[in-house]
Protein backbone atom coordinates (compact mmCIF):
# COMPACT_ATOMS: atom_id res chain seq x y z
CA UNK A 1 125.31 98.83 92.45
CA UNK A 2 125.12 100.72 95.56
CA UNK A 3 125.37 104.21 93.95
CA UNK A 4 122.80 103.10 91.46
CA UNK A 5 120.27 102.16 93.94
CA UNK A 6 121.08 105.46 95.79
CA UNK A 7 120.77 107.84 92.92
CA UNK A 8 117.61 106.22 91.33
CA UNK A 9 115.46 105.08 94.21
CA UNK A 10 117.18 107.00 97.21
CA UNK A 11 117.51 103.93 98.97
CA UNK A 12 120.76 103.52 101.33
CA UNK A 13 121.90 99.81 100.47
CA UNK A 14 124.29 97.40 102.69
CA UNK A 15 126.70 95.38 100.59
CA UNK A 16 127.71 92.44 102.27
CA UNK A 17 130.54 90.24 101.07
CA UNK A 18 129.88 86.83 100.10
CA UNK A 19 131.92 83.68 98.43
CA UNK A 20 131.56 80.96 95.61
CA UNK A 21 129.94 83.48 93.18
CA UNK A 22 126.98 84.42 95.19
CA UNK A 23 125.31 87.89 94.35
CA UNK A 24 121.79 88.06 95.71
CA UNK A 25 119.87 91.17 96.31
CA UNK A 26 117.16 91.10 98.92
CA UNK A 27 114.68 94.06 100.36
CA UNK A 28 113.32 93.42 103.50
CA UNK A 29 114.47 89.63 103.64
CA UNK A 30 112.50 89.48 100.16
CA UNK A 31 114.76 88.04 97.63
CA UNK A 32 114.64 90.52 94.49
CA UNK A 33 117.68 89.01 92.42
CA UNK A 34 119.63 86.02 92.64
CA UNK A 35 122.76 85.10 90.39
CA UNK A 36 122.59 81.63 91.61
CA UNK A 37 119.32 80.84 90.33
CA UNK A 38 119.12 83.28 86.86
CA UNK A 39 122.81 82.33 86.21
CA UNK A 40 124.19 85.70 85.41
CA UNK A 41 125.06 89.13 87.04
CA UNK A 42 122.29 91.86 86.58
CA UNK A 43 122.28 93.92 83.84
CA UNK A 44 122.67 97.92 84.23
CA UNK A 45 119.37 99.44 85.94
CA UNK A 46 117.79 95.96 86.30
CA UNK A 47 117.87 95.91 89.79
CA UNK A 48 116.11 99.43 90.11
CA UNK A 49 113.56 98.46 87.39
CA UNK A 50 112.85 95.14 89.49
CA UNK A 51 112.26 97.55 92.67
CA UNK A 52 109.80 99.83 90.81
């Protein structure tokens, strides 16, 4: 995920380990994707699409 973000957007990302199956993507404290809310992991390219 981190490499995809860097390659497609030039954005450096910080991956923070979580627990309990949490997988959230935040940009400047804005929630962009939440596995908990949607019930699945993002598809390949989905996060970069949401950022554009």
